[in-house]
Amino acid sequence: MALQAEPIGRLRGWLPSGLPLGETAWNGRHRGVVILLWAHSLGLGVFGLVRGFEPIHVAGEAVAIGGFAIVASVLESRRRRRQPERLV
């Protein structure tokens, strides 16, 4: 039985614990998701045009995803401005 418990323990280490993220971890993950959204929007637009879809259709799809990227970017900058400067 001990042989089976070890992989399960490693798997549990990768799962979220349900605790809130620290500020540094949250900022890093949020920045990563925002970059992924921008890349996805741009990549979808290029892919659609290369595949021969109509530009208006491609623009609609890319803008739909890009809109979420814009909102996430604005919220990130607002959050940074709202935080007081920390003394070192």
C-alpha atoms as a PDB file:
ATOM      1  CA  MET A   1       0.000   0.000   0.000  1.00  0.00           C
ATOM      2  CA  ALA A   2       2.892   2.397   0.629  1.00  0.00           C
ATOM      3  CA  LEU A   3       3.800   2.306  -3.058  1.00  0.00           C
ATOM      4  CA  GLN A   4       0.398   3.700  -4.020  1.00  0.00           C
ATOM      5  CA  ALA A   5       0.376   6.407  -1.329  1.00  0.00           C
ATOM      6  CA  GLU A   6       3.531   8.114  -2.676  1.00  0.00           C
ATOM      7  CA  PRO A   7       2.120   9.079  -6.119  1.00  0.00           C
ATOM      8  CA  ILE A   8      -1.113  10.235  -4.497  1.00  0.00           C
ATOM      9  CA  GLY A   9       0.884  12.436  -2.122  1.00  0.00           C
ATOM     10  CA  ARG A  10       2.765  13.982  -5.033  1.00  0.00           C
ATOM     11  CA  LEU A  11      -0.501  14.580  -6.869  1.00  0.00           C
ATOM     12  CA  ARG A  12      -1.952  16.337  -3.825  1.00  0.00           C
ATOM     13  CA  GLY A  13       1.083  18.626  -3.788  1.00  0.00           C
ATOM     14  CA  TRP A  14       0.080  19.940  -7.224  1.00  0.00           C
ATOM     15  CA  LEU A  15      -3.550  20.565  -6.281  1.00  0.00           C
ATOM     16  CA  PRO A  16      -4.699  23.872  -4.783  1.00  0.00           C
ATOM     17  CA  SER A  17      -5.042  23.882  -1.020  1.00  0.00           C
ATOM     18  CA  GLY A  18      -7.959  26.321  -0.904  1.00  0.00           C
ATOM     19  CA  LEU A  19      -5.969  29.080   0.780  1.00  0.00           C
ATOM     20  CA  PRO A  20      -5.785  32.585  -0.696  1.00  0.00           C
ATOM     21  CA  LEU A  21      -2.788  33.386  -2.865  1.00  0.00           C
ATOM     22  CA  GLY A  22      -0.202  35.851  -1.700  1.00  0.00           C
ATOM     23  CA  GLU A  23       0.054  39.190  -3.496  1.00  0.00           C
ATOM     24  CA  THR A  24       3.177  38.194  -5.435  1.00  0.00           C
ATOM     25  CA  ALA A  25       1.739  34.873  -6.580  1.00  0.00           C
ATOM     26  CA  TRP A  26      -1.583  36.452  -7.556  1.00  0.00           C
ATOM     27  CA  ASN A  27       0.105  39.213  -9.566  1.00  0.00           C
ATOM     28  CA  GLY A  28       2.310  36.732 -11.393  1.00  0.00           C
ATOM     29  CA  ARG A  29      -0.574  34.449 -12.289  1.00  0.00           C
ATOM     30  CA  HIS A  30      -2.801  37.335 -13.347  1.00  0.00           C
ATOM     31  CA  ARG A  31      -0.058  38.736 -15.565  1.00  0.00           C
ATOM     32  CA  GLY A  32       0.389  35.294 -17.139  1.00  0.00           C
ATOM     33  CA  VAL A  33      -3.332  34.967 -17.872  1.00  0.00           C
ATOM     34  CA  VAL A  34      -3.446  38.462 -19.398  1.00  0.00           C
ATOM     35  CA  ILE A  35      -0.480  37.653 -21.654  1.00  0.00           C
ATOM     36  CA  LEU A  36      -2.174  34.404 -22.654  1.00  0.00           C
ATOM     37  CA  LEU A  37      -5.384  36.278 -23.531  1.00  0.00           C
ATOM     38  CA  TRP A  38      -3.523  38.792 -25.714  1.00  0.00           C
ATOM     39  CA  ALA A  39      -1.568  36.019 -27.440  1.00  0.00           C
ATOM     40  CA  HIS A  40      -4.735  33.995 -28.000  1.00  0.00           C
ATOM     41  CA  SER A  41      -6.557  36.969 -29.517  1.00  0.00           C
ATOM     42  CA  LEU A  42      -3.671  37.786 -31.859  1.00  0.00           C
ATOM     43  CA  GLY A  43      -3.046  34.148 -32.753  1.00  0.00           C
ATOM     44  CA  LEU A  44      -6.720  33.535 -33.481  1.00  0.00           C
ATOM     45  CA  GLY A  45      -6.800  36.526 -35.813  1.00  0.00           C
ATOM     46  CA  VAL A  46      -3.706  35.410 -37.723  1.00  0.00           C
ATOM     47  CA  PHE A  47      -4.921  31.808 -37.887  1.00  0.00           C
ATOM     48  CA  GLY A  48      -8.336  32.845 -39.205  1.00  0.00           C
ATOM     49  CA  LEU A  49      -6.864  35.029 -41.931  1.00  0.00           C
ATOM     50  CA  VAL A  50      -4.352  32.358 -42.959  1.00  0.00           C
ATOM     51  CA  ARG A  51      -7.151  29.787 -43.150  1.00  0.00           C
ATOM     52  CA  GLY A  52      -9.122  32.089 -45.463  1.00  0.00           C
ATOM     53  CA  PHE A  53     -11.997  33.178 -43.256  1.00  0.00           C
ATOM     54  CA  GLU A  54     -13.591  36.537 -43.969  1.00  0.00           C
ATOM     55  CA  PRO A  55     -11.780  39.390 -42.196  1.00  0.00           C
ATOM     56  CA  ILE A  56     -14.975  40.664 -40.552  1.00  0.00           C
ATOM     57  CA  HIS A  57     -15.598  37.232 -39.030  1.00  0.00           C
ATOM     58  CA  VAL A  58     -11.991  36.940 -37.867  1.00  0.00           C
ATOM     59  CA  ALA A  59     -12.097  40.435 -36.372  1.00  0.00           C
ATOM     60  CA  GLY A  60     -15.263  39.626 -34.444  1.00  0.00           C
ATOM     61  CA  GLU A  61     -13.758  36.501 -32.952  1.00  0.00           C
ATOM     62  CA  ALA A  62     -10.432  38.155 -32.096  1.00  0.00           C
ATOM     63  CA  VAL A  63     -12.111  41.234 -30.595  1.00  0.00           C
ATOM     64  CA  ALA A  64     -14.334  39.064 -28.417  1.00  0.00           C
ATOM     65  CA  ILE A  65     -11.270  37.552 -26.755  1.00  0.00           C
ATOM     66  CA  GLY A  66      -9.294  40.789 -26.920  1.00  0.00           C
ATOM     67  CA  GLY A  67     -12.083  42.519 -24.992  1.00  0.00           C
ATOM     68  CA  PHE A  68     -11.449  40.286 -22.018  1.00  0.00           C
ATOM     69  CA  ALA A  69      -7.732  41.037 -22.309  1.00  0.00           C
ATOM     70  CA  ILE A  70      -8.458  44.769 -22.278  1.00  0.00           C
ATOM     71  CA  VAL A  71     -10.678  44.499 -19.202  1.00  0.00           C
ATOM     72  CA  ALA A  72      -8.102  42.360 -17.392  1.00  0.00           C
ATOM     73  CA  SER A  73      -5.320  44.825 -18.268  1.00  0.00           C
ATOM     74  CA  VAL A  74      -7.338  47.811 -17.040  1.00  0.00           C
ATOM     75  CA  LEU A  75      -8.253  46.061 -13.800  1.00  0.00           C
ATOM     76  CA  GLU A  76      -4.609  45.112 -13.237  1.00  0.00           C
ATOM     77  CA  SER A  77      -3.417  48.701 -13.670  1.00  0.00           C
ATOM     78  CA  ARG A  78      -6.189  49.997 -11.384  1.00  0.00           C
ATOM     79  CA  ARG A  79      -5.253  47.485  -8.735  1.00  0.00           C
ATOM     80  CA  ARG A  80      -1.613  48.570  -8.848  1.00  0.00           C
ATOM     81  CA  ARG A  81      -2.538  52.257  -8.540  1.00  0.00           C
ATOM     82  CA  ARG A  82      -4.860  51.605  -5.596  1.00  0.00           C
ATOM     83  CA  GLN A  83      -2.239  49.840  -3.515  1.00  0.00           C
ATOM     84  CA  PRO A  84      -0.292  52.104  -1.176  1.00  0.00           C
ATOM     85  CA  GLU A  85       3.462  52.197  -1.518  1.00  0.00           C
ATOM     86  CA  ARG A  86       5.099  49.678   0.794  1.00  0.00           C
ATOM     87  CA  LEU A  87       7.990  50.760   2.919  1.00  0.00           C
ATOM     88  CA  VAL A  88      11.040  48.562   2.681  1.00  0.00           C
END
